[in-house]
Amino acid sequence: MAVSVRLDPVIEAKLTQQASLLGITKSDFIKDAIERVLGIKNPATLLKQLRKSGKMGRPDASATVSATIKTRLRAKRSD
């Protein structure tokens, strides 16, 4: 079913920007937002399903972030 909604230009610009950043259409962005507000789609449940499906990203990333930042800061000080 098609629905037409008038948006304030500022909101439409933000919608366009966020949809573009996520690599989805404005229509998909709006549908996702409506599903979350109506309780049809729960982000926590989706995250749990994603985590169960396999490895995500670099498993050592959060474990080594402190050391990585310290190394970068020390490198900047020596310049």
PDB file of N, CA and C in Angstrom:
ATOM      1  N   MET A   1       0.842  -1.169   0.000  1.00  0.00           N
ATOM      2  CA  MET A   1       0.000   0.000   0.000  1.00  0.00           C
ATOM      3  C   MET A   1       0.892   1.238   0.000  1.00  0.00           C
ATOM      4  N   ALA A   2       0.584   2.165  -0.811  1.00  0.00           N
ATOM      5  CA  ALA A   2       1.353   3.402  -0.893  1.00  0.00           C
ATOM      6  C   ALA A   2       0.774   4.433   0.071  1.00  0.00           C
ATOM      7  N   VAL A   3       1.670   5.151   0.737  1.00  0.00           N
ATOM      8  CA  VAL A   3       1.280   6.211   1.660  1.00  0.00           C
ATOM      9  C   VAL A   3       2.127   7.427   1.320  1.00  0.00           C
ATOM     10  N   SER A   4       1.500   8.582   1.341  1.00  0.00           N
ATOM     11  CA  SER A   4       2.218   9.819   1.048  1.00  0.00           C
ATOM     12  C   SER A   4       2.286  10.657   2.316  1.00  0.00           C
ATOM     13  N   VAL A   5       3.483  11.157   2.620  1.00  0.00           N
ATOM     14  CA  VAL A   5       3.683  11.966   3.811  1.00  0.00           C
ATOM     15  C   VAL A   5       4.478  13.211   3.437  1.00  0.00           C
ATOM     16  N   ARG A   6       4.039  14.350   3.905  1.00  0.00           N
ATOM     17  CA  ARG A   6       4.774  15.589   3.664  1.00  0.00           C
ATOM     18  C   ARG A   6       5.746  15.792   4.826  1.00  0.00           C
ATOM     19  N   LEU A   7       6.988  16.064   4.479  1.00  0.00           N
ATOM     20  CA  LEU A   7       8.019  16.275   5.495  1.00  0.00           C
ATOM     21  C   LEU A   7       8.561  17.692   5.415  1.00  0.00           C
ATOM     22  N   ASP A   8       8.951  18.202   6.556  1.00  0.00           N
ATOM     23  CA  ASP A   8       9.648  19.474   6.615  1.00  0.00           C
ATOM     24  C   ASP A   8      10.949  19.318   5.818  1.00  0.00           C
ATOM     25  N   PRO A   9      11.376  20.326   5.080  1.00  0.00           N
ATOM     26  CA  PRO A   9      12.598  20.205   4.278  1.00  0.00           C
ATOM     27  C   PRO A   9      13.832  19.790   5.081  1.00  0.00           C
ATOM     28  N   VAL A  10      13.940  20.257   6.307  1.00  0.00           N
ATOM     29  CA  VAL A  10      15.095  19.892   7.139  1.00  0.00           C
ATOM     30  C   VAL A  10      15.057  18.394   7.465  1.00  0.00           C
ATOM     31  N   ILE A  11      13.879  17.894   7.810  1.00  0.00           N
ATOM     32  CA  ILE A  11      13.740  16.466   8.116  1.00  0.00           C
ATOM     33  C   ILE A  11      14.009  15.629   6.873  1.00  0.00           C
ATOM     34  N   GLU A  12      13.510  16.074   5.733  1.00  0.00           N
ATOM     35  CA  GLU A  12      13.747  15.325   4.501  1.00  0.00           C
ATOM     36  C   GLU A  12      15.239  15.290   4.162  1.00  0.00           C
ATOM     37  N   ALA A  13      15.937  16.379   4.386  1.00  0.00           N
ATOM     38  CA  ALA A  13      17.380  16.423   4.112  1.00  0.00           C
ATOM     39  C   ALA A  13      18.115  15.442   5.025  1.00  0.00           C
ATOM     40  N   LYS A  14      17.734  15.403   6.310  1.00  0.00           N
ATOM     41  CA  LYS A  14      18.358  14.460   7.242  1.00  0.00           C
ATOM     42  C   LYS A  14      18.034  13.023   6.858  1.00  0.00           C
ATOM     43  N   LEU A  15      16.805  12.786   6.447  1.00  0.00           N
ATOM     44  CA  LEU A  15      16.390  11.456   5.998  1.00  0.00           C
ATOM     45  C   LEU A  15      17.229  11.013   4.806  1.00  0.00           C
ATOM     46  N   THR A  16      17.382  11.879   3.833  1.00  0.00           N
ATOM     47  CA  THR A  16      18.177  11.576   2.646  1.00  0.00           C
ATOM     48  C   THR A  16      19.624  11.269   3.026  1.00  0.00           C
ATOM     49  N   GLN A  17      20.185  12.082   3.922  1.00  0.00           N
ATOM     50  CA  GLN A  17      21.575  11.899   4.340  1.00  0.00           C
ATOM     51  C   GLN A  17      21.766  10.574   5.071  1.00  0.00           C
ATOM     52  N   GLN A  18      20.902  10.268   6.025  1.00  0.00           N
ATOM     53  CA  GLN A  18      21.049   9.040   6.804  1.00  0.00           C
ATOM     54  C   GLN A  18      20.824   7.793   5.951  1.00  0.00           C
ATOM     55  N   ALA A  19      19.836   7.834   5.086  1.00  0.00           N
ATOM     56  CA  ALA A  19      19.579   6.691   4.203  1.00  0.00           C
ATOM     57  C   ALA A  19      20.786   6.449   3.297  1.00  0.00           C
ATOM     58  N   SER A  20      21.367   7.542   2.803  1.00  0.00           N
ATOM     59  CA  SER A  20      22.547   7.431   1.949  1.00  0.00           C
ATOM     60  C   SER A  20      23.725   6.835   2.714  1.00  0.00           C
ATOM     61  N   LEU A  21      23.934   7.290   3.946  1.00  0.00           N
ATOM     62  CA  LEU A  21      25.021   6.757   4.763  1.00  0.00           C
ATOM     63  C   LEU A  21      24.859   5.257   5.027  1.00  0.00           C
ATOM     64  N   LEU A  22      23.616   4.825   5.196  1.00  0.00           N
ATOM     65  CA  LEU A  22      23.342   3.411   5.451  1.00  0.00           C
ATOM     66  C   LEU A  22      23.287   2.578   4.173  1.00  0.00           C
ATOM     67  N   GLY A  23      23.250   3.257   3.038  1.00  0.00           N
ATOM     68  CA  GLY A  23      23.202   2.550   1.755  1.00  0.00           C
ATOM     69  C   GLY A  23      21.841   1.930   1.467  1.00  0.00           C
ATOM     70  N   ILE A  24      20.788   2.589   1.967  1.00  0.00           N
ATOM     71  CA  ILE A  24      19.431   2.092   1.728  1.00  0.00           C
ATOM     72  C   ILE A  24      18.587   3.220   1.149  1.00  0.00           C
ATOM     73  N   THR A  25      17.410   2.871   0.665  1.00  0.00           N
ATOM     74  CA  THR A  25      16.510   3.887   0.119  1.00  0.00           C
ATOM     75  C   THR A  25      15.809   4.617   1.258  1.00  0.00           C
ATOM     76  N   LYS A  26      15.287   5.790   0.952  1.00  0.00           N
ATOM     77  CA  LYS A  26      14.517   6.534   1.949  1.00  0.00           C
ATOM     78  C   LYS A  26      13.296   5.721   2.362  1.00  0.00           C
ATOM     79  N   SER A  27      12.700   5.043   1.410  1.00  0.00           N
ATOM     80  CA  SER A  27      11.523   4.224   1.696  1.00  0.00           C
ATOM     81  C   SER A  27      11.856   3.111   2.695  1.00  0.00           C
ATOM     82  N   ASP A  28      12.980   2.421   2.489  1.00  0.00           N
ATOM     83  CA  ASP A  28      13.395   1.364   3.422  1.00  0.00           C
ATOM     84  C   ASP A  28      13.708   1.935   4.802  1.00  0.00           C
ATOM     85  N   PHE A  29      14.314   3.107   4.843  1.00  0.00           N
ATOM     86  CA  PHE A  29      14.624   3.759   6.112  1.00  0.00           C
ATOM     87  C   PHE A  29      13.340   4.045   6.887  1.00  0.00           C
ATOM     88  N   ILE A  30      12.360   4.605   6.198  1.00  0.00           N
ATOM     89  CA  ILE A  30      11.082   4.945   6.823  1.00  0.00           C
ATOM     90  C   ILE A  30      10.356   3.685   7.293  1.00  0.00           C
ATOM     91  N   LYS A  31      10.328   2.645   6.443  1.00  0.00           N
ATOM     92  CA  LYS A  31       9.665   1.390   6.835  1.00  0.00           C
ATOM     93  C   LYS A  31      10.313   0.793   8.076  1.00  0.00           C
ATOM     94  N   ASP A  32      11.641   0.814   8.128  1.00  0.00           N
ATOM     95  CA  ASP A  32      12.360   0.280   9.274  1.00  0.00           C
ATOM     96  C   ASP A  32      12.009   1.065  10.540  1.00  0.00           C
ATOM     97  N   ALA A  33      11.985   2.384  10.437  1.00  0.00           N
ATOM     98  CA  ALA A  33      11.667   3.231  11.593  1.00  0.00           C
ATOM     99  C   ALA A  33      10.255   2.966  12.098  1.00  0.00           C
ATOM    100  N   ILE A  34       9.313   2.825  11.191  1.00  0.00           N
ATOM    101  CA  ILE A  34       7.920   2.559  11.584  1.00  0.00           C
ATOM    102  C   ILE A  34       7.812   1.196  12.267  1.00  0.00           C
ATOM    103  N   GLU A  35       8.494   0.191  11.713  1.00  0.00           N
ATOM    104  CA  GLU A  35       8.448  -1.148  12.315  1.00  0.00           C
ATOM    105  C   GLU A  35       9.023  -1.135  13.729  1.00  0.00           C
ATOM    106  N   ARG A  36      10.092  -0.375  13.956  1.00  0.00           N
ATOM    107  CA  ARG A  36      10.685  -0.297  15.292  1.00  0.00           C
ATOM    108  C   ARG A  36       9.752   0.419  16.263  1.00  0.00           C
ATOM    109  N   VAL A  37       9.137   1.510  15.831  1.00  0.00           N
ATOM    110  CA  VAL A  37       8.232   2.263  16.702  1.00  0.00           C
ATOM    111  C   VAL A  37       6.998   1.432  17.054  1.00  0.00           C
ATOM    112  N   LEU A  38       6.514   0.648  16.113  1.00  0.00           N
ATOM    113  CA  LEU A  38       5.337  -0.176  16.366  1.00  0.00           C
ATOM    114  C   LEU A  38       5.664  -1.465  17.115  1.00  0.00           C
ATOM    115  N   GLY A  39       6.946  -1.718  17.365  1.00  0.00           N
ATOM    116  CA  GLY A  39       7.344  -2.915  18.098  1.00  0.00           C
ATOM    117  C   GLY A  39       7.411  -4.165  17.245  1.00  0.00           C
ATOM    118  N   ILE A  40       7.307  -4.004  15.947  1.00  0.00           N
ATOM    119  CA  ILE A  40       7.384  -5.153  15.032  1.00  0.00           C
ATOM    120  C   ILE A  40       8.822  -5.612  14.902  1.00  0.00           C
ATOM    121  N   LYS A  41       9.745  -4.668  14.942  1.00  0.00           N
ATOM    122  CA  LYS A  41      11.160  -4.970  14.786  1.00  0.00           C
ATOM    123  C   LYS A  41      11.887  -4.460  16.023  1.00  0.00           C
ATOM    124  N   ASN A  42      12.517  -5.372  16.760  1.00  0.00           N
ATOM    125  CA  ASN A  42      13.237  -5.013  17.977  1.00  0.00           C
ATOM    126  C   ASN A  42      14.741  -5.062  17.688  1.00  0.00           C
ATOM    127  N   PRO A  43      15.438  -3.926  17.756  1.00  0.00           N
ATOM    128  CA  PRO A  43      16.872  -3.910  17.452  1.00  0.00           C
ATOM    129  C   PRO A  43      17.688  -4.881  18.301  1.00  0.00           C
ATOM    130  N   ALA A  44      17.314  -5.063  19.559  1.00  0.00           N
ATOM    131  CA  ALA A  44      18.061  -5.975  20.435  1.00  0.00           C
ATOM    132  C   ALA A  44      17.934  -7.414  19.942  1.00  0.00           C
ATOM    133  N   THR A  45      16.743  -7.791  19.525  1.00  0.00           N
ATOM    134  CA  THR A  45      16.523  -9.146  18.999  1.00  0.00           C
ATOM    135  C   THR A  45      17.302  -9.350  17.709  1.00  0.00           C
ATOM    136  N   LEU A  46      17.284  -8.330  16.846  1.00  0.00           N
ATOM    137  CA  LEU A  46      18.018  -8.424  15.583  1.00  0.00           C
ATOM    138  C   LEU A  46      19.511  -8.571  15.832  1.00  0.00           C
ATOM    139  N   LEU A  47      20.043  -7.844  16.817  1.00  0.00           N
ATOM    140  CA  LEU A  47      21.465  -7.931  17.143  1.00  0.00           C
ATOM    141  C   LEU A  47      21.808  -9.322  17.670  1.00  0.00           C
ATOM    142  N   LYS A  48      20.958  -9.880  18.519  1.00  0.00           N
ATOM    143  CA  LYS A  48      21.191 -11.235  19.034  1.00  0.00           C
ATOM    144  C   LYS A  48      21.225 -12.251  17.899  1.00  0.00           C
ATOM    145  N   GLN A  49      20.299 -12.113  16.938  1.00  0.00           N
ATOM    146  CA  GLN A  49      20.269 -13.020  15.792  1.00  0.00           C
ATOM    147  C   GLN A  49      21.539 -12.879  14.969  1.00  0.00           C
ATOM    148  N   LEU A  50      21.984 -11.665  14.771  1.00  0.00           N
ATOM    149  CA  LEU A  50      23.195 -11.409  13.998  1.00  0.00           C
ATOM    150  C   LEU A  50      24.411 -12.009  14.691  1.00  0.00           C
ATOM    151  N   ARG A  51      24.498 -11.837  16.008  1.00  0.00           N
ATOM    152  CA  ARG A  51      25.628 -12.381  16.759  1.00  0.00           C
ATOM    153  C   ARG A  51      25.652 -13.903  16.732  1.00  0.00           C
ATOM    154  N   LYS A  52      24.498 -14.530  16.734  1.00  0.00           N
ATOM    155  CA  LYS A  52      24.424 -15.994  16.675  1.00  0.00           C
ATOM    156  C   LYS A  52      24.836 -16.530  15.304  1.00  0.00           C
ATOM    157  N   SER A  53      24.683 -15.693  14.271  1.00  0.00           N
ATOM    158  CA  SER A  53      24.924 -16.157  12.903  1.00  0.00           C
ATOM    159  C   SER A  53      26.400 -16.325  12.571  1.00  0.00           C
ATOM    160  N   GLY A  54      27.300 -15.807  13.393  1.00  0.00           N
ATOM    161  CA  GLY A  54      28.723 -15.974  13.111  1.00  0.00           C
ATOM    162  C   GLY A  54      29.540 -14.831  13.656  1.00  0.00           C
ATOM    163  N   LYS A  55      30.811 -14.843  13.324  1.00  0.00           N
ATOM    164  CA  LYS A  55      31.731 -13.818  13.807  1.00  0.00           C
ATOM    165  C   LYS A  55      31.421 -12.480  13.163  1.00  0.00           C
ATOM    166  N   MET A  56      31.628 -11.430  13.954  1.00  0.00           N
ATOM    167  CA  MET A  56      31.399 -10.073  13.468  1.00  0.00           C
ATOM    168  C   MET A  56      32.692  -9.276  13.593  1.00  0.00           C
ATOM    169  N   GLY A  57      33.134  -8.694  12.528  1.00  0.00           N
ATOM    170  CA  GLY A  57      34.285  -7.807  12.569  1.00  0.00           C
ATOM    171  C   GLY A  57      35.547  -8.447  13.105  1.00  0.00           C
ATOM    172  N   ARG A  58      36.384  -7.642  13.723  1.00  0.00           N
ATOM    173  CA  ARG A  58      37.637  -8.116  14.313  1.00  0.00           C
ATOM    174  C   ARG A  58      37.401  -8.415  15.786  1.00  0.00           C
ATOM    175  N   PRO A  59      37.528  -9.657  16.204  1.00  0.00           N
ATOM    176  CA  PRO A  59      37.274  -9.991  17.607  1.00  0.00           C
ATOM    177  C   PRO A  59      38.256  -9.338  18.572  1.00  0.00           C
ATOM    178  N   ASP A  60      39.457  -8.985  18.102  1.00  0.00           N
ATOM    179  CA  ASP A  60      40.455  -8.378  18.982  1.00  0.00           C
ATOM    180  C   ASP A  60      40.344  -6.858  19.045  1.00  0.00           C
ATOM    181  N   ALA A  61      39.451  -6.270  18.287  1.00  0.00           N
ATOM    182  CA  ALA A  61      39.390  -4.808  18.180  1.00  0.00           C
ATOM    183  C   ALA A  61      39.151  -4.135  19.523  1.00  0.00           C
ATOM    184  N   SER A  62      38.183  -4.594  20.281  1.00  0.00           N
ATOM    185  CA  SER A  62      37.903  -3.938  21.552  1.00  0.00           C
ATOM    186  C   SER A  62      38.951  -4.278  22.608  1.00  0.00           C
ATOM    187  N   ALA A  63      39.589  -5.420  22.468  1.00  0.00           N
ATOM    188  CA  ALA A  63      40.606  -5.822  23.445  1.00  0.00           C
ATOM    189  C   ALA A  63      41.886  -5.019  23.288  1.00  0.00           C
ATOM    190  N   THR A  64      42.175  -4.564  22.079  1.00  0.00           N
ATOM    191  CA  THR A  64      43.440  -3.868  21.833  1.00  0.00           C
ATOM    192  C   THR A  64      43.271  -2.370  21.609  1.00  0.00           C
ATOM    193  N   VAL A  65      42.062  -1.855  21.752  1.00  0.00           N
ATOM    194  CA  VAL A  65      41.826  -0.443  21.440  1.00  0.00           C
ATOM    195  C   VAL A  65      42.634   0.481  22.353  1.00  0.00           C
ATOM    196  N   SER A  66      42.723   0.168  23.620  1.00  0.00           N
ATOM    197  CA  SER A  66      43.465   1.017  24.549  1.00  0.00           C
ATOM    198  C   SER A  66      44.944   1.093  24.161  1.00  0.00           C
ATOM    199  N   ALA A  67      45.542  -0.046  23.889  1.00  0.00           N
ATOM    200  CA  ALA A  67      46.951  -0.075  23.504  1.00  0.00           C
ATOM    201  C   ALA A  67      47.170   0.652  22.172  1.00  0.00           C
ATOM    202  N   THR A  68      46.247   0.499  21.248  1.00  0.00           N
ATOM    203  CA  THR A  68      46.364   1.150  19.945  1.00  0.00           C
ATOM    204  C   THR A  68      46.324   2.666  20.091  1.00  0.00           C
ATOM    205  N   ILE A  69      45.404   3.163  20.897  1.00  0.00           N
ATOM    206  CA  ILE A  69      45.289   4.605  21.097  1.00  0.00           C
ATOM    207  C   ILE A  69      46.538   5.153  21.786  1.00  0.00           C
ATOM    208  N   LYS A  70      47.030   4.448  22.801  1.00  0.00           N
ATOM    209  CA  LYS A  70      48.250   4.890  23.494  1.00  0.00           C
ATOM    210  C   LYS A  70      49.422   4.961  22.532  1.00  0.00           C
ATOM    211  N   THR A  71      49.563   3.981  21.659  1.00  0.00           N
ATOM    212  CA  THR A  71      50.640   3.961  20.680  1.00  0.00           C
ATOM    213  C   THR A  71      50.540   5.153  19.745  1.00  0.00           C
ATOM    214  N   ARG A  72      49.340   5.447  19.274  1.00  0.00           N
ATOM    215  CA  ARG A  72      49.143   6.581  18.370  1.00  0.00           C
ATOM    216  C   ARG A  72      49.452   7.908  19.055  1.00  0.00           C
ATOM    217  N   LEU A  73      49.008   8.053  20.312  1.00  0.00           N
ATOM    218  CA  LEU A  73      49.274   9.290  21.040  1.00  0.00           C
ATOM    219  C   LEU A  73      50.764   9.479  21.289  1.00  0.00           C
ATOM    220  N   ARG A  74      51.455   8.408  21.645  1.00  0.00           N
ATOM    221  CA  ARG A  74      52.910   8.488  21.858  1.00  0.00           C
ATOM    222  C   ARG A  74      53.631   8.881  20.570  1.00  0.00           C
ATOM    223  N   ALA A  75      53.143   8.337  19.452  1.00  0.00           N
ATOM    224  CA  ALA A  75      53.759   8.653  18.163  1.00  0.00           C
ATOM    225  C   ALA A  75      53.586  10.144  17.846  1.00  0.00           C
ATOM    226  N   LYS A  76      52.437  10.710  18.199  1.00  0.00           N
ATOM    227  CA  LYS A  76      52.201  12.131  17.946  1.00  0.00           C
ATOM    228  C   LYS A  76      53.108  13.009  18.823  1.00  0.00           C
ATOM    229  N   ARG A  77      53.332  12.585  20.049  1.00  0.00           N
ATOM    230  CA  ARG A  77      54.180  13.359  20.955  1.00  0.00           C
ATOM    231  C   ARG A  77      55.616  13.407  20.489  1.00  0.00           C
ATOM    232  N   SER A  78      56.083  12.362  19.851  1.00  0.00           N
ATOM    233  CA  SER A  78      57.487  12.313  19.431  1.00  0.00           C
ATOM    234  C   SER A  78      57.759  13.169  18.200  1.00  0.00           C
ATOM    235  N   ASP A  79      56.721  13.624  17.531  1.00  0.00           N
ATOM    236  CA  ASP A  79      56.902  14.475  16.327  1.00  0.00           C
ATOM    237  C   ASP A  79      57.419  15.822  16.642  1.00  0.00           C
TER     238      ASP A  79
END
